[in-house]
Amino acid sequence: ATRLEALVRFEPQHWELEKIAMNLAGGTIVCSGKVLHAANNTHNAFFKVKVYNADVSKLLLAFDDVGQEALTHREISGRFSTSASLQAGISSLGHIVPASLKGDVDFSLQQGALQNYDPLNKLKSFVFKNRDMRYVRFAELKDKLSIAGEQIFVNRMEIQSSAFRLFLEGNYGLAKRNTDLLIQVPFSNLNTNSLEGEEEPVNKGVKARTGASIWLRAVNDENGKVKVKLTMKKKMKTGKTVN
C-alpha cells in the first residue's frame, strides 16, 4: 500500500477507525469502522469499505483471497470497485475468519476475465461443448451479494462473455456445502459461431428478453464438489423466482 492516511482512536476495549485510506493494487481503498477485542486473541470488526478501480487479482492476493478458495487471485483479472458494509472475526494473525463474515456487497468488475477456472469446464457437459473455456473475457459484472458466514446469496446476474451468455442466481457455499445456483442459458447463444467477431462482450440487462432457455442447477455432491445438472425448476429455495 502507498499514500496511507489513517485516523484511529484507541479506546480501552476497542479501536475506532474513523478513516483509513490508501492506494493498493492500482486502486484506492477507503474504509471506516470499529475493532472490538473479544477473547482468545480474536477481534470482532465492523466496517464500511469502498474500493475504486483496483486490480482484482492483486487485491485478492493482498487479502489472502478473503479466506476462501472458490475464486482466487490466480483465476481472475479485471478492475474492481465495490461498496460494502461488513462484519467479521479477525484472528490473532490478522486473518479474516471465513465463517464469521456477514454483510452486503455491491460490486462492479470491468475488463474482467477468468483463466483456467474449473467451474466453467463443468458447463461443457451440457452446453458450450466446443467453446474454449481456458480464457474467457466478460462484459461488466455487477451485482449485490449478501454474505452470511460461509454462504453467499447472488441476486440474478447477467454474465455476458466472449464464450457464452447466461444468467445466474442463488446460493453459493464457501465451505463446499449448501451451494444451490440456478443457471439460465438462452438457446440464442448456443450456436458455436454466435459470439465470434465481437471485440468486446456487451451486456443486455437482467430484464432483457431471453427466449427459450436451458435451465441448469449447480449443487454440492456428497463430497462437496459442485455438480451441474439439468433441471425443470425455475425457483430457488429462498422462494425467489427467475423470470
C-alpha atoms as a PDB file:
ATOM      1  CA  ALA A   1       0.000   0.000   0.000  1.00  0.00           C
ATOM      2  CA  THR A   2       1.038   3.619  -0.615  1.00  0.00           C
ATOM      3  CA  ARG A   3      -0.252   7.058   0.408  1.00  0.00           C
ATOM      4  CA  LEU A   4      -1.671   5.678   3.638  1.00  0.00           C
ATOM      5  CA  GLU A   5      -3.815   8.104   5.627  1.00  0.00           C
ATOM      6  CA  ALA A   6      -5.320   6.935   8.893  1.00  0.00           C
ATOM      7  CA  LEU A   7      -7.194   8.384  11.827  1.00  0.00           C
ATOM      8  CA  VAL A   8      -7.544   5.779  14.573  1.00  0.00           C
ATOM      9  CA  ARG A   9      -8.729   6.353  18.127  1.00  0.00           C
ATOM     10  CA  PHE A  10      -7.612   3.816  20.742  1.00  0.00           C
ATOM     11  CA  GLU A  11     -10.166   3.167  23.477  1.00  0.00           C
ATOM     12  CA  PRO A  12      -9.809   0.689  26.377  1.00  0.00           C
ATOM     13  CA  GLN A  13     -11.923  -2.030  24.715  1.00  0.00           C
ATOM     14  CA  HIS A  14     -11.878  -1.110  21.046  1.00  0.00           C
ATOM     15  CA  TRP A  15     -10.220   0.747  18.192  1.00  0.00           C
ATOM     16  CA  GLU A  16     -12.284   3.375  16.380  1.00  0.00           C
ATOM     17  CA  LEU A  17     -11.273   3.533  12.716  1.00  0.00           C
ATOM     18  CA  GLU A  18     -12.542   6.968  11.793  1.00  0.00           C
ATOM     19  CA  LYS A  19     -10.888   6.911   8.395  1.00  0.00           C
ATOM     20  CA  ILE A  20      -8.333   4.749   6.659  1.00  0.00           C
ATOM     21  CA  ALA A  21      -7.418   5.475   3.050  1.00  0.00           C
ATOM     22  CA  MET A  22      -4.682   4.041   0.876  1.00  0.00           C
ATOM     23  CA  ASN A  23      -3.653   3.208  -2.641  1.00  0.00           C
ATOM     24  CA  LEU A  24      -3.484  -0.555  -3.131  1.00  0.00           C
ATOM     25  CA  ALA A  25      -3.470  -2.876  -6.136  1.00  0.00           C
ATOM     26  CA  GLY A  26      -3.540   0.076  -8.525  1.00  0.00           C
ATOM     27  CA  GLY A  27      -6.722   1.474  -6.968  1.00  0.00           C
ATOM     28  CA  THR A  28      -7.949   3.318  -3.886  1.00  0.00           C
ATOM     29  CA  ILE A  29      -9.457   1.905  -0.695  1.00  0.00           C
ATOM     30  CA  VAL A  30     -11.347   3.992   1.858  1.00  0.00           C
ATOM     31  CA  CYS A  31     -12.810   2.447   4.988  1.00  0.00           C
ATOM     32  CA  SER A  32     -14.128   3.218   8.453  1.00  0.00           C
ATOM     33  CA  GLY A  33     -15.297   1.073  11.308  1.00  0.00           C
ATOM     34  CA  LYS A  34     -14.569  -0.386  14.715  1.00  0.00           C
ATOM     35  CA  VAL A  35     -12.490  -3.280  16.036  1.00  0.00           C
ATOM     36  CA  LEU A  36     -13.569  -4.822  19.348  1.00  0.00           C
ATOM     37  CA  HIS A  37     -11.315  -7.083  21.390  1.00  0.00           C
ATOM     38  CA  ALA A  38     -13.103 -10.370  22.023  1.00  0.00           C
ATOM     39  CA  ALA A  39     -11.455 -13.418  23.630  1.00  0.00           C
ATOM     40  CA  ASN A  40      -8.601 -15.800  22.891  1.00  0.00           C
ATOM     41  CA  ASN A  41      -6.720 -13.120  20.950  1.00  0.00           C
ATOM     42  CA  THR A  42      -9.526 -12.703  18.434  1.00  0.00           C
ATOM     43  CA  HIS A  43     -11.305  -9.497  17.440  1.00  0.00           C
ATOM     44  CA  ASN A  44     -14.678  -8.534  16.027  1.00  0.00           C
ATOM     45  CA  ALA A  45     -14.556  -5.960  13.254  1.00  0.00           C
ATOM     46  CA  PHE A  46     -17.371  -3.822  11.865  1.00  0.00           C
ATOM     47  CA  PHE A  47     -16.506  -1.735   8.853  1.00  0.00           C
ATOM     48  CA  LYS A  48     -17.645   0.035   5.712  1.00  0.00           C
ATOM     49  CA  VAL A  49     -15.370  -0.221   2.709  1.00  0.00           C
ATOM     50  CA  LYS A  50     -15.220   1.441  -0.683  1.00  0.00           C
ATOM     51  CA  VAL A  51     -12.802   0.246  -3.342  1.00  0.00           C
ATOM     52  CA  TYR A  52     -12.215   2.218  -6.523  1.00  0.00           C
ATOM     53  CA  ASN A  53     -10.799   0.647  -9.691  1.00  0.00           C
ATOM     54  CA  ALA A  54      -8.373  -1.850  -8.129  1.00  0.00           C
ATOM     55  CA  ASP A  55      -6.649  -4.765  -9.851  1.00  0.00           C
ATOM     56  CA  VAL A  56      -8.835  -7.587  -8.534  1.00  0.00           C
ATOM     57  CA  SER A  57      -6.095 -10.237  -8.722  1.00  0.00           C
ATOM     58  CA  LYS A  58      -3.622  -8.142  -6.712  1.00  0.00           C
ATOM     59  CA  LEU A  59      -6.379  -7.153  -4.281  1.00  0.00           C
ATOM     60  CA  LEU A  60      -7.354 -10.767  -3.567  1.00  0.00           C
ATOM     61  CA  LEU A  61      -3.701 -11.687  -3.128  1.00  0.00           C
ATOM     62  CA  ALA A  62      -3.223  -8.858  -0.619  1.00  0.00           C
ATOM     63  CA  PHE A  63      -6.179 -10.093   1.451  1.00  0.00           C
ATOM     64  CA  ASP A  64      -5.364 -13.828   1.284  1.00  0.00           C
ATOM     65  CA  ASP A  65      -8.301 -14.410  -1.103  1.00  0.00           C
ATOM     66  CA  VAL A  66     -10.586 -13.269   1.757  1.00  0.00           C
ATOM     67  CA  GLY A  67     -10.248 -16.679   3.384  1.00  0.00           C
ATOM     68  CA  GLN A  68     -11.960 -18.617   0.589  1.00  0.00           C
ATOM     69  CA  GLU A  69     -10.945 -20.886  -2.288  1.00  0.00           C
ATOM     70  CA  ALA A  70     -13.984 -20.583  -4.555  1.00  0.00           C
ATOM     71  CA  LEU A  71     -12.340 -17.932  -6.727  1.00  0.00           C
ATOM     72  CA  THR A  72      -8.714 -16.991  -6.157  1.00  0.00           C
ATOM     73  CA  HIS A  73      -6.300 -14.355  -7.424  1.00  0.00           C
ATOM     74  CA  ARG A  74      -4.773 -16.918  -9.794  1.00  0.00           C
ATOM     75  CA  GLU A  75      -8.007 -17.317 -11.767  1.00  0.00           C
ATOM     76  CA  ILE A  76      -9.491 -13.836 -12.130  1.00  0.00           C
ATOM     77  CA  SER A  77      -8.370 -10.489 -13.530  1.00  0.00           C
ATOM     78  CA  GLY A  78     -10.007  -7.104 -14.095  1.00  0.00           C
ATOM     79  CA  ARG A  79     -10.692  -3.728 -12.484  1.00  0.00           C
ATOM     80  CA  PHE A  80     -12.763  -4.000  -9.319  1.00  0.00           C
ATOM     81  CA  SER A  81     -14.908  -1.451  -7.474  1.00  0.00           C
ATOM     82  CA  THR A  82     -17.205  -2.038  -4.536  1.00  0.00           C
ATOM     83  CA  SER A  83     -19.186  -0.509  -1.704  1.00  0.00           C
ATOM     84  CA  ALA A  84     -19.561  -2.913   1.202  1.00  0.00           C
ATOM     85  CA  SER A  85     -20.842  -2.997   4.747  1.00  0.00           C
ATOM     86  CA  LEU A  86     -19.346  -5.961   6.593  1.00  0.00           C
ATOM     87  CA  GLN A  87     -18.590  -7.521   9.934  1.00  0.00           C
ATOM     88  CA  ALA A  88     -16.096 -10.296  10.581  1.00  0.00           C
ATOM     89  CA  GLY A  89     -13.945 -12.016  13.154  1.00  0.00           C
ATOM     90  CA  ILE A  90     -10.198 -11.475  12.865  1.00  0.00           C
ATOM     91  CA  SER A  91      -7.653 -13.961  14.170  1.00  0.00           C
ATOM     92  CA  SER A  92      -4.582 -13.049  16.229  1.00  0.00           C
ATOM     93  CA  LEU A  93      -2.568 -13.233  12.991  1.00  0.00           C
ATOM     94  CA  GLY A  94      -4.809 -10.694  11.277  1.00  0.00           C
ATOM     95  CA  HIS A  95      -6.679 -13.157   9.039  1.00  0.00           C
ATOM     96  CA  ILE A  96     -10.425 -12.988   8.445  1.00  0.00           C
ATOM     97  CA  VAL A  97     -12.326 -15.951   9.925  1.00  0.00           C
ATOM     98  CA  PRO A  98     -14.495 -17.053   6.942  1.00  0.00           C
ATOM     99  CA  ALA A  99     -17.441 -18.384   8.976  1.00  0.00           C
ATOM    100  CA  SER A 100     -17.797 -15.026  10.759  1.00  0.00           C
ATOM    101  CA  LEU A 101     -18.169 -12.830   7.664  1.00  0.00           C
ATOM    102  CA  LYS A 102     -21.544 -11.098   7.249  1.00  0.00           C
ATOM    103  CA  GLY A 103     -22.822  -8.162   5.233  1.00  0.00           C
ATOM    104  CA  ASP A 104     -23.784  -6.783   1.834  1.00  0.00           C
ATOM    105  CA  VAL A 105     -21.520  -6.074  -1.113  1.00  0.00           C
ATOM    106  CA  ASP A 106     -22.351  -4.032  -4.218  1.00  0.00           C
ATOM    107  CA  PHE A 107     -19.638  -4.644  -6.778  1.00  0.00           C
ATOM    108  CA  SER A 108     -18.558  -3.997 -10.340  1.00  0.00           C
ATOM    109  CA  LEU A 109     -15.846  -5.845 -12.268  1.00  0.00           C
ATOM    110  CA  GLN A 110     -14.781  -4.278 -15.561  1.00  0.00           C
ATOM    111  CA  GLN A 111     -12.395  -5.698 -18.158  1.00  0.00           C
ATOM    112  CA  GLY A 112     -12.858  -8.986 -16.316  1.00  0.00           C
ATOM    113  CA  ALA A 113     -11.554 -12.383 -17.343  1.00  0.00           C
ATOM    114  CA  LEU A 114     -11.308 -15.902 -15.935  1.00  0.00           C
ATOM    115  CA  GLN A 115      -8.359 -18.153 -16.626  1.00  0.00           C
ATOM    116  CA  ASN A 116      -8.401 -21.941 -16.175  1.00  0.00           C
ATOM    117  CA  TYR A 117     -11.473 -21.715 -13.936  1.00  0.00           C
ATOM    118  CA  ASP A 118     -12.733 -25.248 -13.337  1.00  0.00           C
ATOM    119  CA  PRO A 119     -16.489 -24.474 -12.869  1.00  0.00           C
ATOM    120  CA  LEU A 120     -16.636 -23.189 -16.462  1.00  0.00           C
ATOM    121  CA  ASN A 121     -15.394 -26.531 -17.727  1.00  0.00           C
ATOM    122  CA  LYS A 122     -18.224 -28.259 -15.850  1.00  0.00           C
ATOM    123  CA  LEU A 123     -20.745 -26.405 -18.031  1.00  0.00           C
ATOM    124  CA  LYS A 124     -19.332 -28.144 -21.093  1.00  0.00           C
ATOM    125  CA  SER A 125     -21.028 -31.380 -20.035  1.00  0.00           C
ATOM    126  CA  PHE A 126     -24.355 -29.774 -21.011  1.00  0.00           C
ATOM    127  CA  VAL A 127     -23.689 -26.724 -23.200  1.00  0.00           C
ATOM    128  CA  PHE A 128     -20.809 -24.931 -24.909  1.00  0.00           C
ATOM    129  CA  LYS A 129     -19.077 -28.239 -25.642  1.00  0.00           C
ATOM    130  CA  ASN A 130     -16.985 -26.726 -28.422  1.00  0.00           C
ATOM    131  CA  ARG A 131     -16.127 -23.486 -26.642  1.00  0.00           C
ATOM    132  CA  ASP A 132     -12.643 -22.702 -25.387  1.00  0.00           C
ATOM    133  CA  MET A 133     -13.035 -22.012 -21.661  1.00  0.00           C
ATOM    134  CA  ARG A 134      -9.359 -21.609 -20.808  1.00  0.00           C
ATOM    135  CA  TYR A 135      -9.502 -17.805 -21.004  1.00  0.00           C
ATOM    136  CA  VAL A 136     -12.896 -16.084 -21.009  1.00  0.00           C
ATOM    137  CA  ARG A 137     -13.415 -12.292 -21.162  1.00  0.00           C
ATOM    138  CA  PHE A 138     -16.510 -10.666 -19.635  1.00  0.00           C
ATOM    139  CA  ALA A 139     -18.611  -7.589 -20.063  1.00  0.00           C
ATOM    140  CA  GLU A 140     -19.027  -5.667 -16.814  1.00  0.00           C
ATOM    141  CA  LEU A 141     -20.103  -7.993 -13.992  1.00  0.00           C
ATOM    142  CA  LYS A 142     -22.180  -6.217 -11.378  1.00  0.00           C
ATOM    143  CA  ASP A 143     -24.489  -7.379  -8.642  1.00  0.00           C
ATOM    144  CA  LYS A 144     -25.366  -7.149  -4.960  1.00  0.00           C
ATOM    145  CA  LEU A 145     -24.162 -10.040  -2.824  1.00  0.00           C
ATOM    146  CA  SER A 146     -25.462 -10.879   0.638  1.00  0.00           C
ATOM    147  CA  ILE A 147     -22.924 -12.739   2.782  1.00  0.00           C
ATOM    148  CA  ALA A 148     -23.826 -14.776   5.856  1.00  0.00           C
ATOM    149  CA  GLY A 149     -20.901 -16.776   7.177  1.00  0.00           C
ATOM    150  CA  GLU A 150     -19.880 -19.285   4.549  1.00  0.00           C
ATOM    151  CA  GLN A 151     -22.972 -18.607   2.440  1.00  0.00           C
ATOM    152  CA  ILE A 152     -23.212 -16.034  -0.356  1.00  0.00           C
ATOM    153  CA  PHE A 153     -26.547 -15.137  -1.977  1.00  0.00           C
ATOM    154  CA  VAL A 154     -26.219 -13.932  -5.556  1.00  0.00           C
ATOM    155  CA  ASN A 155     -29.065 -11.862  -6.959  1.00  0.00           C
ATOM    156  CA  ARG A 156     -29.987 -12.509 -10.583  1.00  0.00           C
ATOM    157  CA  MET A 157     -26.865 -11.553 -12.522  1.00  0.00           C
ATOM    158  CA  GLU A 158     -26.144 -11.374 -16.242  1.00  0.00           C
ATOM    159  CA  ILE A 159     -22.894 -12.965 -17.375  1.00  0.00           C
ATOM    160  CA  GLN A 160     -22.063 -11.902 -20.918  1.00  0.00           C
ATOM    161  CA  SER A 161     -18.697 -13.174 -22.087  1.00  0.00           C
ATOM    162  CA  SER A 162     -16.541 -13.913 -25.094  1.00  0.00           C
ATOM    163  CA  ALA A 163     -17.681 -17.548 -24.923  1.00  0.00           C
ATOM    164  CA  PHE A 164     -21.307 -17.513 -23.733  1.00  0.00           C
ATOM    165  CA  ARG A 165     -24.236 -15.594 -22.262  1.00  0.00           C
ATOM    166  CA  LEU A 166     -26.118 -16.799 -19.208  1.00  0.00           C
ATOM    167  CA  PHE A 167     -27.930 -15.674 -16.064  1.00  0.00           C
ATOM    168  CA  LEU A 168     -27.081 -16.802 -12.550  1.00  0.00           C
ATOM    169  CA  GLU A 169     -28.914 -16.634  -9.228  1.00  0.00           C
ATOM    170  CA  GLY A 170     -28.862 -18.427  -5.911  1.00  0.00           C
ATOM    171  CA  ASN A 171     -26.688 -19.505  -3.028  1.00  0.00           C
ATOM    172  CA  TYR A 172     -23.007 -20.359  -3.111  1.00  0.00           C
ATOM    173  CA  GLY A 173     -21.453 -22.227  -0.172  1.00  0.00           C
ATOM    174  CA  LEU A 174     -17.837 -21.333   0.567  1.00  0.00           C
ATOM    175  CA  ALA A 175     -17.475 -24.406   2.803  1.00  0.00           C
ATOM    176  CA  LYS A 176     -18.258 -26.877  -0.008  1.00  0.00           C
ATOM    177  CA  ARG A 177     -21.866 -27.321   1.093  1.00  0.00           C
ATOM    178  CA  ASN A 178     -25.281 -25.690   0.602  1.00  0.00           C
ATOM    179  CA  THR A 179     -24.497 -24.459  -2.909  1.00  0.00           C
ATOM    180  CA  ASP A 180     -27.696 -24.117  -4.946  1.00  0.00           C
ATOM    181  CA  LEU A 181     -27.290 -21.982  -8.064  1.00  0.00           C
ATOM    182  CA  LEU A 182     -29.841 -21.659 -10.833  1.00  0.00           C
ATOM    183  CA  ILE A 183     -28.308 -21.093 -14.279  1.00  0.00           C
ATOM    184  CA  GLN A 184     -30.316 -19.950 -17.314  1.00  0.00           C
ATOM    185  CA  VAL A 185     -28.662 -20.457 -20.695  1.00  0.00           C
ATOM    186  CA  PRO A 186     -30.676 -18.919 -23.588  1.00  0.00           C
ATOM    187  CA  PHE A 187     -30.816 -21.071 -26.724  1.00  0.00           C
ATOM    188  CA  SER A 188     -29.923 -17.969 -28.751  1.00  0.00           C
ATOM    189  CA  ASN A 189     -26.247 -18.223 -27.794  1.00  0.00           C
ATOM    190  CA  LEU A 190     -25.726 -21.946 -28.245  1.00  0.00           C
ATOM    191  CA  ASN A 191     -24.523 -21.631 -31.837  1.00  0.00           C
ATOM    192  CA  THR A 192     -20.737 -22.065 -31.733  1.00  0.00           C
ATOM    193  CA  ASN A 193     -20.307 -19.062 -34.047  1.00  0.00           C
ATOM    194  CA  SER A 194     -22.784 -16.761 -32.298  1.00  0.00           C
ATOM    195  CA  LEU A 195     -20.137 -14.756 -30.421  1.00  0.00           C
ATOM    196  CA  GLU A 196     -17.338 -14.754 -32.944  1.00  0.00           C
ATOM    197  CA  GLY A 197     -16.293 -11.387 -34.303  1.00  0.00           C
ATOM    198  CA  GLU A 198     -17.347  -9.416 -31.209  1.00  0.00           C
ATOM    199  CA  GLU A 199     -14.447  -7.322 -29.986  1.00  0.00           C
ATOM    200  CA  GLU A 200     -15.891  -6.920 -26.502  1.00  0.00           C
ATOM    201  CA  PRO A 201     -18.884  -8.628 -24.835  1.00  0.00           C
ATOM    202  CA  VAL A 202     -21.803  -6.253 -24.197  1.00  0.00           C
ATOM    203  CA  ASN A 203     -24.482  -6.639 -21.517  1.00  0.00           C
ATOM    204  CA  LYS A 204     -28.159  -6.599 -22.486  1.00  0.00           C
ATOM    205  CA  GLY A 205     -29.568  -6.341 -18.938  1.00  0.00           C
ATOM    206  CA  VAL A 206     -31.044  -8.839 -16.478  1.00  0.00           C
ATOM    207  CA  LYS A 207     -34.576  -7.978 -17.630  1.00  0.00           C
ATOM    208  CA  ALA A 208     -33.849  -8.405 -21.343  1.00  0.00           C
ATOM    209  CA  ARG A 209     -35.927 -10.947 -23.240  1.00  0.00           C
ATOM    210  CA  THR A 210     -34.138 -14.280 -23.351  1.00  0.00           C
ATOM    211  CA  GLY A 211     -36.488 -16.603 -25.233  1.00  0.00           C
ATOM    212  CA  ALA A 212     -36.313 -20.371 -24.843  1.00  0.00           C
ATOM    213  CA  SER A 213     -33.551 -21.489 -22.492  1.00  0.00           C
ATOM    214  CA  ILE A 214     -31.810 -24.449 -20.945  1.00  0.00           C
ATOM    215  CA  TRP A 215     -32.045 -24.444 -17.150  1.00  0.00           C
ATOM    216  CA  LEU A 216     -29.253 -25.911 -15.060  1.00  0.00           C
ATOM    217  CA  ARG A 217     -28.690 -26.320 -11.356  1.00  0.00           C
ATOM    218  CA  ALA A 218     -25.308 -26.301  -9.615  1.00  0.00           C
ATOM    219  CA  VAL A 219     -25.287 -28.093  -6.262  1.00  0.00           C
ATOM    220  CA  ASN A 220     -22.767 -29.763  -3.966  1.00  0.00           C
ATOM    221  CA  ASP A 221     -22.481 -33.549  -4.064  1.00  0.00           C
ATOM    222  CA  GLU A 222     -21.738 -35.720  -1.012  1.00  0.00           C
ATOM    223  CA  ASN A 223     -18.017 -34.929  -1.377  1.00  0.00           C
ATOM    224  CA  GLY A 224     -18.540 -31.183  -1.515  1.00  0.00           C
ATOM    225  CA  LYS A 225     -17.784 -30.826  -5.218  1.00  0.00           C
ATOM    226  CA  VAL A 226     -20.110 -28.642  -7.292  1.00  0.00           C
ATOM    227  CA  LYS A 227     -22.053 -30.690  -9.822  1.00  0.00           C
ATOM    228  CA  VAL A 228     -24.121 -29.234 -12.648  1.00  0.00           C
ATOM    229  CA  LYS A 229     -27.339 -30.956 -13.751  1.00  0.00           C
ATOM    230  CA  LEU A 230     -30.380 -30.221 -15.872  1.00  0.00           C
ATOM    231  CA  THR A 231     -33.459 -29.001 -14.035  1.00  0.00           C
ATOM    232  CA  MET A 232     -37.082 -28.158 -14.808  1.00  0.00           C
ATOM    233  CA  LYS A 233     -37.429 -25.969 -11.712  1.00  0.00           C
ATOM    234  CA  LYS A 234     -37.096 -22.209 -12.106  1.00  0.00           C
ATOM    235  CA  LYS A 235     -37.484 -21.320  -8.456  1.00  0.00           C
ATOM    236  CA  MET A 236     -34.893 -21.010  -5.710  1.00  0.00           C
ATOM    237  CA  LYS A 237     -35.272 -22.469  -2.220  1.00  0.00           C
ATOM    238  CA  THR A 238     -35.480 -18.906  -0.947  1.00  0.00           C
ATOM    239  CA  GLY A 239     -38.752 -18.556  -2.835  1.00  0.00           C
ATOM    240  CA  LYS A 240     -37.331 -16.168  -5.393  1.00  0.00           C
ATOM    241  CA  THR A 241     -38.398 -16.867  -8.943  1.00  0.00           C
ATOM    242  CA  VAL A 242     -36.315 -16.285 -12.055  1.00  0.00           C
ATOM    243  CA  ASN A 243     -38.429 -14.633 -14.782  1.00  0.00           C
END
